[in-house]
Structure formats: structure tokens, C-alpha cells
Amino acid sequence: LAPVYATANIACDHNQLIMILMRQIAKRHGLACLLHE
């Protein structure tokens, strides 16, 4: 998933939200989202 760029501190907040929602929404679809490197 690639977002449009934003100011650095806002982009960091957005990235945290992206990772949180990825895990939550994956569960609703019977999936597991792996964010390990």
C-alpha cells in the first residue's frame, strides 16, 4: 500500500494507523496480516 506523501510527522502517524487497521481488517476477512520484516 502506497500513500500520497505528507509532512514527515503526519506521515509517521498515518503509517501507524495503516499498520493498526491492516491487522484489524484482515481478521474480519479471515486473514492474518504479517508486518514482520
PDB file of all heavy atoms in Angstrom:
ATOM      1  N   LEU A   1       0.859  -1.181   0.000  1.00  0.00           N
ATOM      2  CA  LEU A   1       0.000   0.000   0.000  1.00  0.00           C
ATOM      3  C   LEU A   1       0.891   1.226   0.000  1.00  0.00           C
ATOM      4  O   LEU A   1       1.769   1.362   0.863  1.00  0.00           O
ATOM      5  CB  LEU A   1      -0.917   0.002   1.222  1.00  0.00           C
ATOM      6  CG  LEU A   1      -1.939   1.143   1.335  1.00  0.00           C
ATOM      7  CD1 LEU A   1      -3.165   0.679   2.112  1.00  0.00           C
ATOM      8  CD2 LEU A   1      -1.352   2.378   2.025  1.00  0.00           C
ATOM      9  N   ALA A   2       0.677   2.121  -0.951  1.00  0.00           N
ATOM     10  CA  ALA A   2       1.492   3.336  -1.057  1.00  0.00           C
ATOM     11  C   ALA A   2       0.602   4.560  -0.904  1.00  0.00           C
ATOM     12  O   ALA A   2      -0.340   4.742  -1.676  1.00  0.00           O
ATOM     13  CB  ALA A   2       2.226   3.383  -2.392  1.00  0.00           C
ATOM     14  N   PRO A   3       0.871   5.418   0.093  1.00  0.00           N
ATOM     15  CA  PRO A   3       0.094   6.648   0.266  1.00  0.00           C
ATOM     16  C   PRO A   3       0.719   7.819  -0.488  1.00  0.00           C
ATOM     17  O   PRO A   3       1.882   7.755  -0.910  1.00  0.00           O
ATOM     18  CB  PRO A   3       0.158   6.885   1.773  1.00  0.00           C
ATOM     19  CG  PRO A   3       1.531   6.370   2.142  1.00  0.00           C
ATOM     20  CD  PRO A   3       1.823   5.224   1.194  1.00  0.00           C
ATOM     21  N   VAL A   4      -0.048   8.883  -0.639  1.00  0.00           N
ATOM     22  CA  VAL A   4       0.498  10.143  -1.125  1.00  0.00           C
ATOM     23  C   VAL A   4       1.363  10.732  -0.010  1.00  0.00           C
ATOM     24  O   VAL A   4       1.045  10.590   1.173  1.00  0.00           O
ATOM     25  CB  VAL A   4      -0.635  11.117  -1.504  1.00  0.00           C
ATOM     26  CG1 VAL A   4      -0.081  12.453  -1.973  1.00  0.00           C
ATOM     27  CG2 VAL A   4      -1.513  10.495  -2.589  1.00  0.00           C
ATOM     28  N   TYR A   5       2.459  11.381  -0.378  1.00  0.00           N
ATOM     29  CA  TYR A   5       3.368  11.924   0.636  1.00  0.00           C
ATOM     30  C   TYR A   5       2.679  12.991   1.491  1.00  0.00           C
ATOM     31  O   TYR A   5       1.711  13.641   1.084  1.00  0.00           O
ATOM     32  CB  TYR A   5       4.617  12.505  -0.022  1.00  0.00           C
ATOM     33  CG  TYR A   5       4.374  13.764  -0.830  1.00  0.00           C
ATOM     34  CD1 TYR A   5       4.456  15.014  -0.240  1.00  0.00           C
ATOM     35  CD2 TYR A   5       4.047  13.695  -2.185  1.00  0.00           C
ATOM     36  CE1 TYR A   5       4.225  16.174  -0.967  1.00  0.00           C
ATOM     37  CE2 TYR A   5       3.810  14.846  -2.917  1.00  0.00           C
ATOM     38  CZ  TYR A   5       3.912  16.078  -2.297  1.00  0.00           C
ATOM     39  OH  TYR A   5       3.663  17.225  -3.018  1.00  0.00           O
ATOM     40  N   ALA A   6       3.194  13.158   2.702  1.00  0.00           N
ATOM     41  CA  ALA A   6       2.683  14.176   3.626  1.00  0.00           C
ATOM     42  C   ALA A   6       3.859  14.691   4.443  1.00  0.00           C
ATOM     43  O   ALA A   6       4.980  14.176   4.358  1.00  0.00           O
ATOM     44  CB  ALA A   6       1.604  13.595   4.530  1.00  0.00           C
ATOM     45  N   THR A   7       3.615  15.726   5.251  1.00  0.00           N
ATOM     46  CA  THR A   7       4.641  16.202   6.174  1.00  0.00           C
ATOM     47  C   THR A   7       5.107  15.038   7.041  1.00  0.00           C
ATOM     48  O   THR A   7       4.308  14.193   7.449  1.00  0.00           O
ATOM     49  CB  THR A   7       4.073  17.335   7.058  1.00  0.00           C
ATOM     50  OG1 THR A   7       3.557  18.364   6.204  1.00  0.00           O
ATOM     51  CG2 THR A   7       5.150  17.918   7.943  1.00  0.00           C
ATOM     52  N   ALA A   8       6.399  15.001   7.377  1.00  0.00           N
ATOM     53  CA  ALA A   8       7.018  13.809   7.958  1.00  0.00           C
ATOM     54  C   ALA A   8       6.300  13.307   9.213  1.00  0.00           C
ATOM     55  O   ALA A   8       6.044  12.106   9.343  1.00  0.00           O
ATOM     56  CB  ALA A   8       8.486  14.097   8.271  1.00  0.00           C
ATOM     57  N   ASN A   9       5.965  14.205  10.153  1.00  0.00           N
ATOM     58  CA  ASN A   9       5.337  13.729  11.387  1.00  0.00           C
ATOM     59  C   ASN A   9       3.922  13.208  11.124  1.00  0.00           C
ATOM     60  O   ASN A   9       3.493  12.223  11.738  1.00  0.00           O
ATOM     61  CB  ASN A   9       5.314  14.827  12.445  1.00  0.00           C
ATOM     62  CG  ASN A   9       4.528  16.053  12.030  1.00  0.00           C
ATOM     63  OD1 ASN A   9       4.658  16.543  10.907  1.00  0.00           O
ATOM     64  ND2 ASN A   9       3.693  16.564  12.919  1.00  0.00           N
ATOM     65  N   ILE A  10       3.200  13.836  10.196  1.00  0.00           N
ATOM     66  CA  ILE A  10       1.863  13.350   9.847  1.00  0.00           C
ATOM     67  C   ILE A  10       1.966  12.015   9.115  1.00  0.00           C
ATOM     68  O   ILE A  10       1.168  11.096   9.344  1.00  0.00           O
ATOM     69  CB  ILE A  10       1.118  14.393   8.989  1.00  0.00           C
ATOM     70  CG1 ILE A  10       0.918  15.683   9.788  1.00  0.00           C
ATOM     71  CG2 ILE A  10      -0.212  13.854   8.498  1.00  0.00           C
ATOM     72  CD1 ILE A  10       0.261  16.798   8.997  1.00  0.00           C
ATOM     73  N   ALA A  11       2.957  11.883   8.236  1.00  0.00           N
ATOM     74  CA  ALA A  11       3.152  10.628   7.510  1.00  0.00           C
ATOM     75  C   ALA A  11       3.451   9.478   8.473  1.00  0.00           C
ATOM     76  O   ALA A  11       2.995   8.349   8.261  1.00  0.00           O
ATOM     77  CB  ALA A  11       4.288  10.777   6.496  1.00  0.00           C
ATOM     78  N   CYS A  12       4.214   9.759   9.536  1.00  0.00           N
ATOM     79  CA  CYS A  12       4.501   8.723  10.536  1.00  0.00           C
ATOM     80  C   CYS A  12       3.232   8.318  11.281  1.00  0.00           C
ATOM     81  O   CYS A  12       3.008   7.126  11.535  1.00  0.00           O
ATOM     82  CB  CYS A  12       5.557   9.218  11.515  1.00  0.00           C
ATOM     83  SG  CYS A  12       7.203   9.374  10.804  1.00  0.00           S
ATOM     84  N   ASP A  13       2.399   9.306  11.644  1.00  0.00           N
ATOM     85  CA  ASP A  13       1.116   8.985  12.273  1.00  0.00           C
ATOM     86  C   ASP A  13       0.252   8.153  11.336  1.00  0.00           C
ATOM     87  O   ASP A  13      -0.383   7.174  11.757  1.00  0.00           O
ATOM     88  CB  ASP A  13       0.379  10.274  12.655  1.00  0.00           C
ATOM     89  CG  ASP A  13       1.020  10.993  13.833  1.00  0.00           C
ATOM     90  OD1 ASP A  13       1.875  10.376  14.500  1.00  0.00           O
ATOM     91  OD2 ASP A  13       0.670  12.157  14.082  1.00  0.00           O
ATOM     92  N   HIS A  14       0.220   8.531  10.067  1.00  0.00           N
ATOM     93  CA  HIS A  14      -0.560   7.783   9.086  1.00  0.00           C
ATOM     94  C   HIS A  14      -0.060   6.342   8.970  1.00  0.00           C
ATOM     95  O   HIS A  14      -0.863   5.402   8.875  1.00  0.00           O
ATOM     96  CB  HIS A  14      -0.481   8.460   7.719  1.00  0.00           C
ATOM     97  CG  HIS A  14      -1.308   9.704   7.618  1.00  0.00           C
ATOM     98  ND1 HIS A  14      -1.268  10.549   6.524  1.00  0.00           N
ATOM     99  CD2 HIS A  14      -2.207  10.251   8.472  1.00  0.00           C
ATOM    100  CE1 HIS A  14      -2.109  11.554   6.713  1.00  0.00           C
ATOM    101  NE2 HIS A  14      -2.679  11.396   7.878  1.00  0.00           N
ATOM    102  N   ASN A  15       1.252   6.160   8.987  1.00  0.00           N
ATOM    103  CA  ASN A  15       1.786   4.812   8.836  1.00  0.00           C
ATOM    104  C   ASN A  15       1.418   3.931  10.022  1.00  0.00           C
ATOM    105  O   ASN A  15       1.133   2.739   9.856  1.00  0.00           O
ATOM    106  CB  ASN A  15       3.303   4.866   8.657  1.00  0.00           C
ATOM    107  CG  ASN A  15       3.897   3.508   8.346  1.00  0.00           C
ATOM    108  OD1 ASN A  15       4.577   2.913   9.169  1.00  0.00           O
ATOM    109  ND2 ASN A  15       3.628   2.986   7.157  1.00  0.00           N
ATOM    110  N   GLN A  16       1.402   4.510  11.220  1.00  0.00           N
ATOM    111  CA  GLN A  16       0.962   3.741  12.386  1.00  0.00           C
ATOM    112  C   GLN A  16      -0.495   3.317  12.228  1.00  0.00           C
ATOM    113  O   GLN A  16      -0.864   2.180  12.535  1.00  0.00           O
ATOM    114  CB  GLN A  16       1.141   4.574  13.658  1.00  0.00           C
ATOM    115  CG  GLN A  16       2.585   4.847  14.040  1.00  0.00           C
ATOM    116  CD  GLN A  16       3.324   3.606  14.497  1.00  0.00           C
ATOM    117  OE1 GLN A  16       2.714   2.605  14.879  1.00  0.00           O
ATOM    118  NE2 GLN A  16       4.642   3.646  14.467  1.00  0.00           N
ATOM    119  N   LEU A  17      -1.332   4.234  11.739  1.00  0.00           N
ATOM    120  CA  LEU A  17      -2.739   3.909  11.517  1.00  0.00           C
ATOM    121  C   LEU A  17      -2.895   2.820  10.453  1.00  0.00           C
ATOM    122  O   LEU A  17      -3.740   1.930  10.575  1.00  0.00           O
ATOM    123  CB  LEU A  17      -3.509   5.157  11.092  1.00  0.00           C
ATOM    124  CG  LEU A  17      -3.849   6.158  12.197  1.00  0.00           C
ATOM    125  CD1 LEU A  17      -4.451   7.424  11.592  1.00  0.00           C
ATOM    126  CD2 LEU A  17      -4.808   5.550  13.198  1.00  0.00           C
ATOM    127  N   ILE A  18      -2.089   2.911   9.398  1.00  0.00           N
ATOM    128  CA  ILE A  18      -2.148   1.905   8.336  1.00  0.00           C
ATOM    129  C   ILE A  18      -1.872   0.513   8.908  1.00  0.00           C
ATOM    130  O   ILE A  18      -2.609  -0.446   8.643  1.00  0.00           O
ATOM    131  CB  ILE A  18      -1.138   2.240   7.220  1.00  0.00           C
ATOM    132  CG1 ILE A  18      -1.622   3.445   6.408  1.00  0.00           C
ATOM    133  CG2 ILE A  18      -0.924   1.029   6.302  1.00  0.00           C
ATOM    134  CD1 ILE A  18      -0.601   3.986   5.425  1.00  0.00           C
ATOM    135  N   MET A  19      -0.834   0.382   9.718  1.00  0.00           N
ATOM    136  CA  MET A  19      -0.475  -0.926  10.271  1.00  0.00           C
ATOM    137  C   MET A  19      -1.537  -1.432  11.237  1.00  0.00           C
ATOM    138  O   MET A  19      -1.860  -2.629  11.261  1.00  0.00           O
ATOM    139  CB  MET A  19       0.895  -0.848  10.940  1.00  0.00           C
ATOM    140  CG  MET A  19       2.043  -0.615   9.968  1.00  0.00           C
ATOM    141  SD  MET A  19       3.675  -0.765  10.721  1.00  0.00           S
ATOM    142  CE  MET A  19       3.706   0.694  11.772  1.00  0.00           C
ATOM    143  N   ILE A  20      -2.101  -0.533  12.054  1.00  0.00           N
ATOM    144  CA  ILE A  20      -3.155  -0.929  13.003  1.00  0.00           C
ATOM    145  C   ILE A  20      -4.377  -1.442  12.253  1.00  0.00           C
ATOM    146  O   ILE A  20      -4.928  -2.513  12.570  1.00  0.00           O
ATOM    147  CB  ILE A  20      -3.525   0.261  13.911  1.00  0.00           C
ATOM    148  CG1 ILE A  20      -2.379   0.584  14.878  1.00  0.00           C
ATOM    149  CG2 ILE A  20      -4.808  -0.036  14.698  1.00  0.00           C
ATOM    150  CD1 ILE A  20      -2.573   1.874  15.649  1.00  0.00           C
ATOM    151  N   LEU A  21      -4.819  -0.681  11.251  1.00  0.00           N
ATOM    152  CA  LEU A  21      -6.024  -1.067  10.517  1.00  0.00           C
ATOM    153  C   LEU A  21      -5.808  -2.303   9.661  1.00  0.00           C
ATOM    154  O   LEU A  21      -6.732  -3.098   9.468  1.00  0.00           O
ATOM    155  CB  LEU A  21      -6.500   0.102   9.657  1.00  0.00           C
ATOM    156  CG  LEU A  21      -7.148   1.256  10.427  1.00  0.00           C
ATOM    157  CD1 LEU A  21      -7.464   2.420   9.496  1.00  0.00           C
ATOM    158  CD2 LEU A  21      -8.418   0.799  11.127  1.00  0.00           C
ATOM    159  N   MET A  22      -4.608  -2.487   9.135  1.00  0.00           N
ATOM    160  CA  MET A  22      -4.326  -3.700   8.357  1.00  0.00           C
ATOM    161  C   MET A  22      -4.588  -4.951   9.191  1.00  0.00           C
ATOM    162  O   MET A  22      -5.241  -5.900   8.736  1.00  0.00           O
ATOM    163  CB  MET A  22      -2.871  -3.695   7.880  1.00  0.00           C
ATOM    164  CG  MET A  22      -2.628  -2.879   6.630  1.00  0.00           C
ATOM    165  SD  MET A  22      -0.894  -2.942   6.141  1.00  0.00           S
ATOM    166  CE  MET A  22      -0.995  -2.138   4.541  1.00  0.00           C
ATOM    167  N   ARG A  23      -4.098  -4.946  10.429  1.00  0.00           N
ATOM    168  CA  ARG A  23      -4.284  -6.117  11.293  1.00  0.00           C
ATOM    169  C   ARG A  23      -5.759  -6.310  11.646  1.00  0.00           C
ATOM    170  O   ARG A  23      -6.271  -7.435  11.642  1.00  0.00           O
ATOM    171  CB  ARG A  23      -3.452  -5.954  12.561  1.00  0.00           C
ATOM    172  CG  ARG A  23      -1.947  -6.074  12.350  1.00  0.00           C
ATOM    173  CD  ARG A  23      -1.254  -6.207  13.691  1.00  0.00           C
ATOM    174  NE  ARG A  23       0.177  -6.408  13.572  1.00  0.00           N
ATOM    175  CZ  ARG A  23       1.080  -5.455  13.816  1.00  0.00           C
ATOM    176  NH1 ARG A  23       0.688  -4.246  14.164  1.00  0.00           N
ATOM    177  NH2 ARG A  23       2.372  -5.704  13.704  1.00  0.00           N
ATOM    178  N   GLN A  24      -6.444  -5.210  11.973  1.00  0.00           N
ATOM    179  CA  GLN A  24      -7.844  -5.312  12.374  1.00  0.00           C
ATOM    180  C   GLN A  24      -8.729  -5.801  11.235  1.00  0.00           C
ATOM    181  O   GLN A  24      -9.560  -6.705  11.416  1.00  0.00           O
ATOM    182  CB  GLN A  24      -8.337  -3.941  12.862  1.00  0.00           C
ATOM    183  CG  GLN A  24      -7.750  -3.488  14.186  1.00  0.00           C
ATOM    184  CD  GLN A  24      -8.270  -2.122  14.607  1.00  0.00           C
ATOM    185  OE1 GLN A  24      -8.912  -1.426  13.836  1.00  0.00           O
ATOM    186  NE2 GLN A  24      -7.972  -1.727  15.832  1.00  0.00           N
ATOM    187  N   ILE A  25      -8.568  -5.213  10.067  1.00  0.00           N
ATOM    188  CA  ILE A  25      -9.444  -5.543   8.935  1.00  0.00           C
ATOM    189  C   ILE A  25      -9.140  -6.931   8.389  1.00  0.00           C
ATOM    190  O   ILE A  25     -10.039  -7.640   7.921  1.00  0.00           O
ATOM    191  CB  ILE A  25      -9.320  -4.454   7.850  1.00  0.00           C
ATOM    192  CG1 ILE A  25      -9.868  -3.128   8.396  1.00  0.00           C
ATOM    193  CG2 ILE A  25     -10.060  -4.847   6.579  1.00  0.00           C
ATOM    194  CD1 ILE A  25      -9.624  -1.935   7.497  1.00  0.00           C
ATOM    195  N   ALA A  26      -7.875  -7.354   8.448  1.00  0.00           N
ATOM    196  CA  ALA A  26      -7.529  -8.706   7.976  1.00  0.00           C
ATOM    197  C   ALA A  26      -8.305  -9.757   8.755  1.00  0.00           C
ATOM    198  O   ALA A  26      -8.780 -10.747   8.179  1.00  0.00           O
ATOM    199  CB  ALA A  26      -6.026  -8.932   8.108  1.00  0.00           C
ATOM    200  N   LYS A  27      -8.480  -9.554  10.064  1.00  0.00           N
ATOM    201  CA  LYS A  27      -9.223 -10.525  10.873  1.00  0.00           C
ATOM    202  C   LYS A  27     -10.659 -10.664  10.387  1.00  0.00           C
ATOM    203  O   LYS A  27     -11.220 -11.762  10.386  1.00  0.00           O
ATOM    204  CB  LYS A  27      -9.211 -10.089  12.343  1.00  0.00           C
ATOM    205  CG  LYS A  27      -7.888 -10.269  13.051  1.00  0.00           C
ATOM    206  CD  LYS A  27      -8.010  -9.874  14.518  1.00  0.00           C
ATOM    207  CE  LYS A  27      -6.687 -10.059  15.247  1.00  0.00           C
ATOM    208  NZ  LYS A  27      -6.782  -9.667  16.673  1.00  0.00           N
ATOM    209  N   ARG A  28     -11.266  -9.543   9.993  1.00  0.00           N
ATOM    210  CA  ARG A  28     -12.656  -9.577   9.545  1.00  0.00           C
ATOM    211  C   ARG A  28     -12.817 -10.349   8.240  1.00  0.00           C
ATOM    212  O   ARG A  28     -13.925 -10.743   7.879  1.00  0.00           O
ATOM    213  CB  ARG A  28     -13.191  -8.150   9.390  1.00  0.00           C
ATOM    214  CG  ARG A  28     -13.202  -7.370  10.683  1.00  0.00           C
ATOM    215  CD  ARG A  28     -14.245  -6.265  10.649  1.00  0.00           C
ATOM    216  NE  ARG A  28     -13.845  -5.121   9.866  1.00  0.00           N
ATOM    217  CZ  ARG A  28     -13.311  -4.008  10.377  1.00  0.00           C
ATOM    218  NH1 ARG A  28     -13.093  -3.917  11.697  1.00  0.00           N
ATOM    219  NH2 ARG A  28     -12.991  -2.993   9.613  1.00  0.00           N
ATOM    220  N   HIS A  29     -11.717 -10.541   7.507  1.00  0.00           N
ATOM    221  CA  HIS A  29     -11.763 -11.273   6.238  1.00  0.00           C
ATOM    222  C   HIS A  29     -11.167 -12.673   6.369  1.00  0.00           C
ATOM    223  O   HIS A  29     -10.865 -13.312   5.355  1.00  0.00           O
ATOM    224  CB  HIS A  29     -11.024 -10.473   5.162  1.00  0.00           C
ATOM    225  CG  HIS A  29     -11.724  -9.216   4.752  1.00  0.00           C
ATOM    226  ND1 HIS A  29     -12.530  -9.142   3.630  1.00  0.00           N
ATOM    227  CD2 HIS A  29     -11.772  -7.994   5.328  1.00  0.00           C
ATOM    228  CE1 HIS A  29     -13.031  -7.916   3.527  1.00  0.00           C
ATOM    229  NE2 HIS A  29     -12.580  -7.197   4.538  1.00  0.00           N
ATOM    230  N   GLY A  30     -10.979 -13.132   7.614  1.00  0.00           N
ATOM    231  CA  GLY A  30     -10.424 -14.460   7.824  1.00  0.00           C
ATOM    232  C   GLY A  30      -8.969 -14.570   7.444  1.00  0.00           C
ATOM    233  O   GLY A  30      -8.474 -15.654   7.118  1.00  0.00           O
ATOM    234  N   LEU A  31      -8.251 -13.439   7.496  1.00  0.00           N
ATOM    235  CA  LEU A  31      -6.842 -13.402   7.123  1.00  0.00           C
ATOM    236  C   LEU A  31      -5.989 -12.950   8.306  1.00  0.00           C
ATOM    237  O   LEU A  31      -6.502 -12.398   9.290  1.00  0.00           O
ATOM    238  CB  LEU A  31      -6.627 -12.434   5.949  1.00  0.00           C
ATOM    239  CG  LEU A  31      -7.387 -12.745   4.657  1.00  0.00           C
ATOM    240  CD1 LEU A  31      -7.330 -11.536   3.715  1.00  0.00           C
ATOM    241  CD2 LEU A  31      -6.794 -13.974   3.973  1.00  0.00           C
ATOM    242  N   ALA A  32      -4.712 -13.160   8.206  1.00  0.00           N
ATOM    243  CA  ALA A  32      -3.746 -12.625   9.165  1.00  0.00           C
ATOM    244  C   ALA A  32      -2.763 -11.756   8.396  1.00  0.00           C
ATOM    245  O   ALA A  32      -2.227 -12.179   7.367  1.00  0.00           O
ATOM    246  CB  ALA A  32      -3.009 -13.748   9.891  1.00  0.00           C
ATOM    247  N   CYS A  33      -2.556 -10.525   8.869  1.00  0.00           N
ATOM    248  CA  CYS A  33      -1.623  -9.597   8.225  1.00  0.00           C
ATOM    249  C   CYS A  33      -0.289  -9.672   8.941  1.00  0.00           C
ATOM    250  O   CYS A  33      -0.207  -9.419  10.154  1.00  0.00           O
ATOM    251  CB  CYS A  33      -2.183  -8.172   8.274  1.00  0.00           C
ATOM    252  SG  CYS A  33      -1.082  -6.942   7.549  1.00  0.00           S
ATOM    253  N   LEU A  34       0.760 -10.025   8.219  1.00  0.00           N
ATOM    254  CA  LEU A  34       2.104 -10.155   8.785  1.00  0.00           C
ATOM    255  C   LEU A  34       2.915  -8.920   8.408  1.00  0.00           C
ATOM    256  O   LEU A  34       3.129  -8.651   7.226  1.00  0.00           O
ATOM    257  CB  LEU A  34       2.792 -11.414   8.254  1.00  0.00           C
ATOM    258  CG  LEU A  34       2.030 -12.737   8.428  1.00  0.00           C
ATOM    259  CD1 LEU A  34       2.850 -13.890   7.863  1.00  0.00           C
ATOM    260  CD2 LEU A  34       1.701 -12.979   9.895  1.00  0.00           C
ATOM    261  N   LEU A  35       3.359  -8.185   9.423  1.00  0.00           N
ATOM    262  CA  LEU A  35       4.137  -6.969   9.197  1.00  0.00           C
ATOM    263  C   LEU A  35       5.602  -7.142   9.577  1.00  0.00           C
ATOM    264  O   LEU A  35       6.360  -6.176   9.549  1.00  0.00           O
ATOM    265  CB  LEU A  35       3.524  -5.809   9.986  1.00  0.00           C
ATOM    266  CG  LEU A  35       2.114  -5.391   9.539  1.00  0.00           C
ATOM    267  CD1 LEU A  35       1.538  -4.359  10.495  1.00  0.00           C
ATOM    268  CD2 LEU A  35       2.132  -4.833   8.127  1.00  0.00           C
ATOM    269  N   HIS A  36       5.990  -8.350   9.942  1.00  0.00           N
ATOM    270  CA  HIS A  36       7.399  -8.625  10.233  1.00  0.00           C
ATOM    271  C   HIS A  36       8.234  -8.381   8.982  1.00  0.00           C
ATOM    272  O   HIS A  36       7.784  -8.607   7.859  1.00  0.00           O
ATOM    273  CB  HIS A  36       7.561 -10.071  10.708  1.00  0.00           C
ATOM    274  CG  HIS A  36       8.902 -10.363  11.316  1.00  0.00           C
ATOM    275  ND1 HIS A  36      10.025 -10.572  10.550  1.00  0.00           N
ATOM    276  CD2 HIS A  36       9.292 -10.466  12.610  1.00  0.00           C
ATOM    277  CE1 HIS A  36      11.062 -10.811  11.353  1.00  0.00           C
ATOM    278  NE2 HIS A  36      10.640 -10.750  12.606  1.00  0.00           N
ATOM    279  N   GLU A  37       9.465  -7.890   9.202  1.00  0.00           N
ATOM    280  CA  GLU A  37      10.306  -7.557   8.052  1.00  0.00           C
ATOM    281  C   GLU A  37      10.696  -8.776   7.221  1.00  0.00           C
ATOM    282  O   GLU A  37      10.968  -8.654   6.019  1.00  0.00           O
ATOM    283  CB  GLU A  37      11.584  -6.849   8.530  1.00  0.00           C
ATOM    284  CG  GLU A  37      11.354  -5.466   9.107  1.00  0.00           C
ATOM    285  CD  GLU A  37      11.046  -5.477  10.586  1.00  0.00           C
ATOM    286  OE1 GLU A  37      10.728  -6.556  11.124  1.00  0.00           O
ATOM    287  OE2 GLU A  37      11.108  -4.415  11.223  1.00  0.00           O
TER     288      GLU A  37
END
